[in-house]
């Protein structure tokens, strides 16, 4: 028997994207899957769409619940899992047909408890990686690579052993956002080994107006900063390499929080937080420049950011708005 793969999708206000997502799930080349759709009290027609597809494919189960946020919805999905492996997918994204097969084959060939890719498609980047190479990395390497992030931080371009997740009580019991980073890093630290490939098999949507990427909110930055500090306090694989990666990510999150304050034009309302960001960006800069695992070009960019954090935030905001205006992919 082929291993059963459980795919969990937390869904909220996703009716515009759901058909594309669910079609990409049921059309996987690896067919021994269960699809757990968690309708998180969505006020649109997302729940109805989920029920329709469940009536069309017996591999689909739908959980309807009162709205409690993405973390709570994903945790409900984790409770319902019966498969040997787990995949966590966002409700507005979609998969390439070989997504599950590619990841499960990596696990089968390497004996790893976790498999992931270091590249993804987005609604702005449709070019496939030309040369794929699968390698096995250690828990330390994977943890640092996700934290930097050399590998996308979300939980969705990865496949996890159910035993790994259940035995170590890894959940999404953290504030949104930054919860995906927490889940991925904790799983990587407990894994016996991690299989890493380069092929793009996940499609990440950048043009959902309901997402945190486009709907700026200072609380998102506050939560993300809490989550990375929480990771640092609870590192299982605590080495120089992982500690340096955590310290860099904390510094980066102070920049992100500053960006959100500027993007929402809320400096006066968040004056104390704003000043705290500036202080930490500058005070932490020498350490991250010295210790972080980046080359000269990236460190030059870090130096500019650390010296001119407000200018860098305004440049990033301008660039994001310009990029979004060119994103017309459905």
Protein backbone atom coordinates (compact mmCIF):
# COMPACT_ATOMS: atom_id res chain seq x y z
CA UNK A 1 0.00 0.00 0.00
CA UNK A 2 1.20 3.48 -0.84
CA UNK A 3 1.37 5.81 2.18
CA UNK A 4 -1.72 7.94 2.74
CA UNK A 5 -1.05 11.68 2.55
CA UNK A 6 -3.36 14.05 4.44
CA UNK A 7 -3.73 17.53 2.93
CA UNK A 8 -5.08 20.18 5.32
CA UNK A 9 -6.50 23.44 3.99
CA UNK A 10 -7.75 26.21 6.28
CA UNK A 11 -10.31 28.27 4.37
CA UNK A 12 -11.63 31.75 5.00
CA UNK A 13 -13.04 34.14 2.38
CA UNK A 14 -11.52 32.05 -0.40
CA UNK A 15 -14.51 31.52 -2.71
CA UNK A 16 -12.80 33.28 -5.61
CA UNK A 17 -9.85 30.87 -5.52
CA UNK A 18 -11.33 27.62 -4.15
CA UNK A 19 -12.26 25.85 -7.38
CA UNK A 20 -8.72 26.28 -8.73
CA UNK A 21 -7.24 25.05 -5.46
CA UNK A 22 -9.48 22.00 -5.03
CA UNK A 23 -9.08 20.96 -8.67
CA UNK A 24 -5.31 21.02 -8.13
CA UNK A 25 -5.78 18.74 -5.10
CA UNK A 26 -8.02 16.12 -6.67
CA UNK A 27 -5.91 16.02 -9.83
CA UNK A 28 -2.69 15.06 -8.06
CA UNK A 29 -0.69 12.36 -9.86
CA UNK A 30 -0.36 10.64 -6.46
CA UNK A 31 -3.92 9.62 -5.68
CA UNK A 32 -3.73 8.04 -2.20
CA UNK A 33 -4.66 11.24 -0.41
CA UNK A 34 -7.25 12.56 2.00
CA UNK A 35 -8.23 16.20 1.66
CA UNK A 36 -9.37 17.95 4.84
CA UNK A 37 -11.03 21.28 4.10
CA UNK A 38 -11.58 23.37 7.23
CA UNK A 39 -14.19 26.07 6.68
CA UNK A 40 -13.28 28.60 9.37
CA UNK A 41 -16.74 30.20 9.56
CA UNK A 42 -16.20 31.90 6.21
CA UNK A 43 -18.96 34.50 5.54
CA UNK A 44 -18.84 33.98 1.77
CA UNK A 45 -19.72 30.85 -0.21
CA UNK A 46 -16.49 29.01 0.64
CA UNK A 47 -18.29 26.47 2.84
CA UNK A 48 -20.82 25.66 0.11
CA UNK A 49 -18.07 25.21 -2.45
CA UNK A 50 -16.25 22.83 -0.10
CA UNK A 51 -19.43 20.77 0.40
CA UNK A 52 -19.99 20.58 -3.34
CA UNK A 53 -16.53 19.19 -4.00
CA UNK A 54 -16.90 16.73 -1.11
CA UNK A 55 -19.98 15.35 -2.87
CA UNK A 56 -17.87 14.85 -6.01
CA UNK A 57 -14.82 13.17 -4.47
CA UNK A 58 -14.93 10.76 -1.54
CA UNK A 59 -11.36 11.67 -0.56
CA UNK A 60 -12.59 15.10 0.60
CA UNK A 61 -13.80 15.77 4.13
CA UNK A 62 -15.16 19.14 5.22
CA UNK A 63 -15.03 20.55 8.73
CA UNK A 64 -17.28 23.56 9.38
CA UNK A 65 -16.40 25.58 12.46
CA UNK A 66 -16.99 28.96 14.06
CA UNK A 67 -14.38 31.48 12.96
CA UNK A 68 -11.28 31.30 15.13
CA UNK A 69 -8.44 32.14 12.77
CA UNK A 70 -6.05 30.19 10.57
CA UNK A 71 -4.10 28.64 13.44
CA UNK A 72 -7.18 27.21 15.12
CA UNK A 73 -8.51 25.93 11.79
CA UNK A 74 -5.25 24.17 10.96
CA UNK A 75 -5.18 22.60 14.42
CA UNK A 76 -8.68 21.20 13.82
CA UNK A 77 -7.36 19.73 10.59
CA UNK A 78 -4.42 18.16 12.41
CA UNK A 79 -6.82 16.45 14.83
CA UNK A 80 -8.69 14.89 11.90
CA UNK A 81 -5.63 13.49 10.10
CA UNK A 82 -5.52 9.74 9.45
CA UNK A 83 -2.69 9.71 6.92
CA UNK A 84 0.96 8.74 7.23
CA UNK A 85 2.12 12.17 6.05
CA UNK A 86 0.77 15.69 6.36
CA UNK A 87 0.75 18.67 4.03
CA UNK A 88 -0.53 22.14 5.00
CA UNK A 89 -1.90 24.29 2.17
CA UNK A 90 -3.15 27.89 2.15
CA UNK A 91 -6.74 28.42 1.01
CA UNK A 92 -5.91 30.82 -1.82
CA UNK A 93 -2.96 28.96 -3.37
CA UNK A 94 -2.80 25.88 -5.61
CA UNK A 95 -0.55 22.91 -6.35
CA UNK A 96 1.26 21.55 -9.36
CA UNK A 97 -0.05 18.08 -10.33
CA UNK A 98 3.13 16.33 -9.12
CA UNK A 99 3.27 18.14 -5.74
CA UNK A 100 2.51 15.13 -3.52
CA UNK A 101 4.31 12.60 -5.71
CA UNK A 102 7.48 14.68 -5.79
CA UNK A 103 7.63 15.12 -2.01
CA UNK A 104 6.64 11.54 -1.11
CA UNK A 105 9.25 10.18 -3.54
CA UNK A 106 11.94 12.25 -1.81
CA UNK A 107 10.92 10.76 1.53
CA UNK A 108 10.82 7.26 0.08
CA UNK A 109 14.32 7.56 -1.41
CA UNK A 110 15.98 9.17 1.61
CA UNK A 111 14.11 7.84 4.65
CA UNK A 112 13.62 11.43 5.83
CA UNK A 113 10.75 12.44 8.11
CA UNK A 114 10.34 15.73 6.27
CA UNK A 115 10.68 16.84 2.65
CA UNK A 116 10.64 20.33 1.17
CA UNK A 117 11.63 22.48 -1.79
CA UNK A 118 13.64 25.70 -1.76
CA UNK A 119 11.74 27.35 -4.64
CA UNK A 120 8.08 28.06 -5.40
CA UNK A 121 5.95 29.52 -8.16
CA UNK A 122 4.16 32.79 -7.43
CA UNK A 123 1.56 34.73 -9.39
CA UNK A 124 4.50 36.82 -10.65
CA UNK A 125 7.15 34.14 -11.19
CA UNK A 126 6.19 31.31 -13.55
CA UNK A 127 9.64 30.04 -14.58
CA UNK A 128 10.48 26.49 -13.53
CA UNK A 129 13.86 25.60 -12.08
CA UNK A 130 15.95 24.09 -14.88
CA UNK A 131 18.09 21.71 -12.85
CA UNK A 132 16.77 19.75 -9.90
CA UNK A 133 18.96 18.02 -7.36
CA UNK A 134 17.73 16.24 -4.25
CA UNK A 135 19.95 16.18 -1.20
CA UNK A 136 19.63 15.26 2.47
CA UNK A 137 20.34 17.91 5.10
CA UNK A 138 20.50 17.83 8.88
CA UNK A 139 18.02 19.31 11.33
CA UNK A 140 20.50 22.08 12.08
CA UNK A 141 20.94 22.98 8.40
CA UNK A 142 17.20 22.90 7.71
CA UNK A 143 16.40 25.03 10.76
CA UNK A 144 18.93 27.70 9.79
CA UNK A 145 17.92 27.65 6.12
CA UNK A 146 14.24 28.20 6.97
CA UNK A 147 15.06 30.95 9.44
CA UNK A 148 17.22 32.99 7.07
CA UNK A 149 15.11 32.18 4.88
CA UNK A 150 17.02 30.42 2.14
CA UNK A 151 13.97 28.13 2.03
CA UNK A 152 10.44 29.63 2.01
CA UNK A 153 9.28 29.83 5.63
CA UNK A 154 5.66 28.70 5.26
CA UNK A 155 4.41 25.21 6.11
CA UNK A 156 3.03 24.67 2.61
CA UNK A 157 6.02 23.66 0.43
CA UNK A 158 6.78 20.79 2.81
CA UNK A 159 5.62 17.27 3.67
CA UNK A 160 5.82 16.01 7.25
CA UNK A 161 5.68 12.57 8.82
CA UNK A 162 2.48 12.40 10.88
CA UNK A 163 4.41 10.56 13.56
CA UNK A 164 6.94 13.40 13.68
CA UNK A 165 4.18 15.97 14.19
CA UNK A 166 2.07 13.98 16.65
CA UNK A 167 4.89 12.56 18.79
CA UNK A 168 6.37 16.01 19.35
CA UNK A 169 3.04 17.84 19.75
CA UNK A 170 3.79 20.33 16.98
CA UNK A 171 0.76 22.53 16.37
CA UNK A 172 -0.23 26.02 15.30
CA UNK A 173 -0.90 27.18 18.87
CA UNK A 174 0.72 30.54 18.24
CA UNK A 175 -0.57 33.99 17.21
CA UNK A 176 -1.13 34.65 13.50
CA UNK A 177 1.15 35.55 11.68
CA UNK A 178 4.53 33.87 11.85
CA UNK A 179 2.77 30.63 12.78
CA UNK A 180 3.95 28.91 9.61
CA UNK A 181 7.57 29.72 10.42
CA UNK A 182 7.09 28.34 13.93
CA UNK A 183 5.54 25.10 12.63
CA UNK A 184 8.18 24.56 9.95
CA UNK A 185 11.13 25.29 12.23
CA UNK A 186 9.85 23.09 15.07
CA UNK A 187 9.23 20.18 12.69
CA UNK A 188 12.67 20.56 11.12
CA UNK A 189 14.35 20.47 14.52
CA UNK A 190 12.72 17.17 15.47
CA UNK A 191 13.19 15.44 12.10
CA UNK A 192 15.79 12.68 11.77
CA UNK A 193 16.83 14.19 8.44
CA UNK A 194 15.25 16.43 5.80
CA UNK A 195 15.07 15.83 2.05
CA UNK A 196 15.53 19.01 0.02
CA UNK A 197 14.70 19.51 -3.65
CA UNK A 198 14.67 22.50 -5.99
CA UNK A 199 11.66 21.89 -8.23
CA UNK A 200 8.78 24.38 -8.02
CA UNK A 201 5.63 22.45 -7.14
CA UNK A 202 3.70 25.00 -5.05
CA UNK A 203 1.92 28.11 -6.35
CA UNK A 204 1.87 31.00 -3.87
CA UNK A 205 -0.67 33.74 -4.48
CA UNK A 206 0.51 37.34 -4.04
CA UNK A 207 -2.66 39.10 -5.21
CA UNK A 208 -5.29 38.12 -2.64
CA UNK A 209 -6.64 41.40 -1.27
CA UNK A 210 -7.77 39.63 1.93
CA UNK A 211 -4.31 38.33 2.81
CA UNK A 212 -1.70 39.81 5.14
CA UNK A 213 0.57 40.39 2.14
CA UNK A 214 -1.75 43.03 0.71
CA UNK A 215 -3.80 44.12 3.73
CA UNK A 216 -1.21 45.78 5.96
CA UNK A 217 -1.84 45.44 9.69
CA UNK A 218 0.58 46.38 12.48
CA UNK A 219 -0.69 43.52 14.65
CA UNK A 220 0.62 41.07 12.06
CA UNK A 221 4.12 42.44 12.64
CA UNK A 222 3.71 42.32 16.42
CA UNK A 223 2.64 38.68 16.24
CA UNK A 224 5.42 37.75 13.84
CA UNK A 225 7.99 39.31 16.16
CA UNK A 226 6.54 37.37 19.11
CA UNK A 227 6.72 34.11 17.16
CA UNK A 228 10.36 34.45 16.12
CA UNK A 229 11.36 35.36 19.68
CA UNK A 230 9.40 32.35 20.89
CA UNK A 231 11.31 30.15 18.44
CA UNK A 232 14.57 31.54 19.81
CA UNK A 233 13.56 30.78 23.39
CA UNK A 234 12.50 27.23 22.51
CA UNK A 235 15.26 26.15 20.11
CA UNK A 236 15.79 22.41 20.36
CA UNK A 237 18.79 22.41 18.05
CA UNK A 238 20.67 25.24 19.74
CA UNK A 239 23.96 25.81 17.93
CA UNK A 240 25.84 28.89 16.80
CA UNK A 241 24.38 28.40 13.34
CA UNK A 242 20.74 28.32 14.49
CA UNK A 243 21.14 31.05 17.12
CA UNK A 244 22.71 33.39 14.55
CA UNK A 245 19.82 32.65 12.17
CA UNK A 246 17.27 33.43 14.89
CA UNK A 247 19.02 36.69 15.76
CA UNK A 248 19.01 37.75 12.12
CA UNK A 249 15.30 36.94 11.78
CA UNK A 250 14.46 38.93 14.91
CA UNK A 251 16.33 41.90 13.43
CA UNK A 252 14.50 41.42 10.14
CA UNK A 253 11.15 41.34 11.95
CA UNK A 254 11.84 44.67 13.62
CA UNK A 255 12.31 46.02 10.10
CA UNK A 256 9.06 44.38 9.00
CA UNK A 257 7.16 45.88 11.92
CA UNK A 258 8.59 49.31 11.11
CA UNK A 259 7.52 48.79 7.49
CA UNK A 260 3.92 48.02 8.59
CA UNK A 261 3.76 51.11 10.80
CA UNK A 262 4.91 53.28 7.89
CA UNK A 263 2.68 51.47 5.38
CA UNK A 264 -0.39 52.05 7.56
CA UNK A 265 0.60 55.67 8.22
CA UNK A 266 0.24 55.04 11.95
CA UNK A 267 3.47 56.39 13.44
CA UNK A 268 1.69 58.65 15.93
CA UNK A 269 -0.61 55.87 17.14
CA UNK A 270 2.37 53.53 17.52
CA UNK A 271 5.02 56.03 18.63
CA UNK A 272 6.54 53.83 21.36
CA UNK A 273 6.58 50.77 19.11
CA UNK A 274 7.99 52.80 16.24
CA UNK A 275 10.88 54.09 18.36
CA UNK A 276 11.50 50.60 19.75
CA UNK A 277 11.84 49.29 16.20
CA UNK A 278 14.35 51.98 15.27
CA UNK A 279 16.36 51.33 18.43
CA UNK A 280 16.51 47.55 17.88
CA UNK A 281 17.28 47.83 14.17
CA UNK A 282 20.32 49.97 14.94
CA UNK A 283 21.48 48.26 18.14
CA UNK A 284 21.23 44.75 16.70
CA UNK A 285 22.87 45.64 13.38
CA UNK A 286 26.56 45.07 14.30
CA UNK A 287 25.82 41.62 15.67
CA UNK A 288 23.79 40.41 12.69
CA UNK A 289 26.33 41.84 10.26
CA UNK A 290 29.09 39.94 12.01
CA UNK A 291 27.30 36.66 12.66
CA UNK A 292 24.71 36.13 9.91
CA UNK A 293 25.47 33.64 7.15
CA UNK A 294 25.31 36.00 4.16
CA UNK A 295 27.73 37.19 1.53
CA UNK A 296 29.12 40.73 1.08
CA UNK A 297 26.34 41.92 -1.24
CA UNK A 298 23.55 40.98 1.17
CA UNK A 299 25.47 42.41 4.10
CA UNK A 300 25.83 45.70 2.22
CA UNK A 301 22.04 45.77 1.85
CA UNK A 302 21.68 45.01 5.55
CA UNK A 303 24.04 47.87 6.38
CA UNK A 304 21.96 50.30 4.31
CA UNK A 305 18.78 49.05 5.99
CA UNK A 306 20.28 49.41 9.44
CA UNK A 307 21.54 52.94 8.82
CA UNK A 308 18.48 54.16 6.91
CA UNK A 309 15.60 51.96 8.12
CA UNK A 310 12.83 54.48 7.38
CA UNK A 311 14.08 55.14 3.85
CA UNK A 312 14.36 51.38 3.21
CA UNK A 313 10.79 50.83 4.47
CA UNK A 314 9.45 53.52 2.12
CA UNK A 315 11.37 52.04 -0.82
CA UNK A 316 9.97 48.58 -0.03
CA UNK A 317 6.43 49.95 0.16
CA UNK A 318 6.78 51.68 -3.21
CA UNK A 319 8.22 48.54 -4.80
CA UNK A 320 5.46 46.33 -3.38
CA UNK A 321 2.70 48.59 -4.67
CA UNK A 322 4.30 48.73 -8.12
CA UNK A 323 4.70 44.94 -8.24
CA UNK A 324 1.10 44.39 -7.15
CA UNK A 325 -0.23 46.65 -9.90
CA UNK A 326 1.34 44.33 -12.47
CA UNK A 327 -0.10 41.14 -10.95
CA UNK A 328 -3.19 40.19 -12.94
CA UNK A 329 -3.01 36.42 -12.66
CA UNK A 330 -6.17 34.72 -11.38
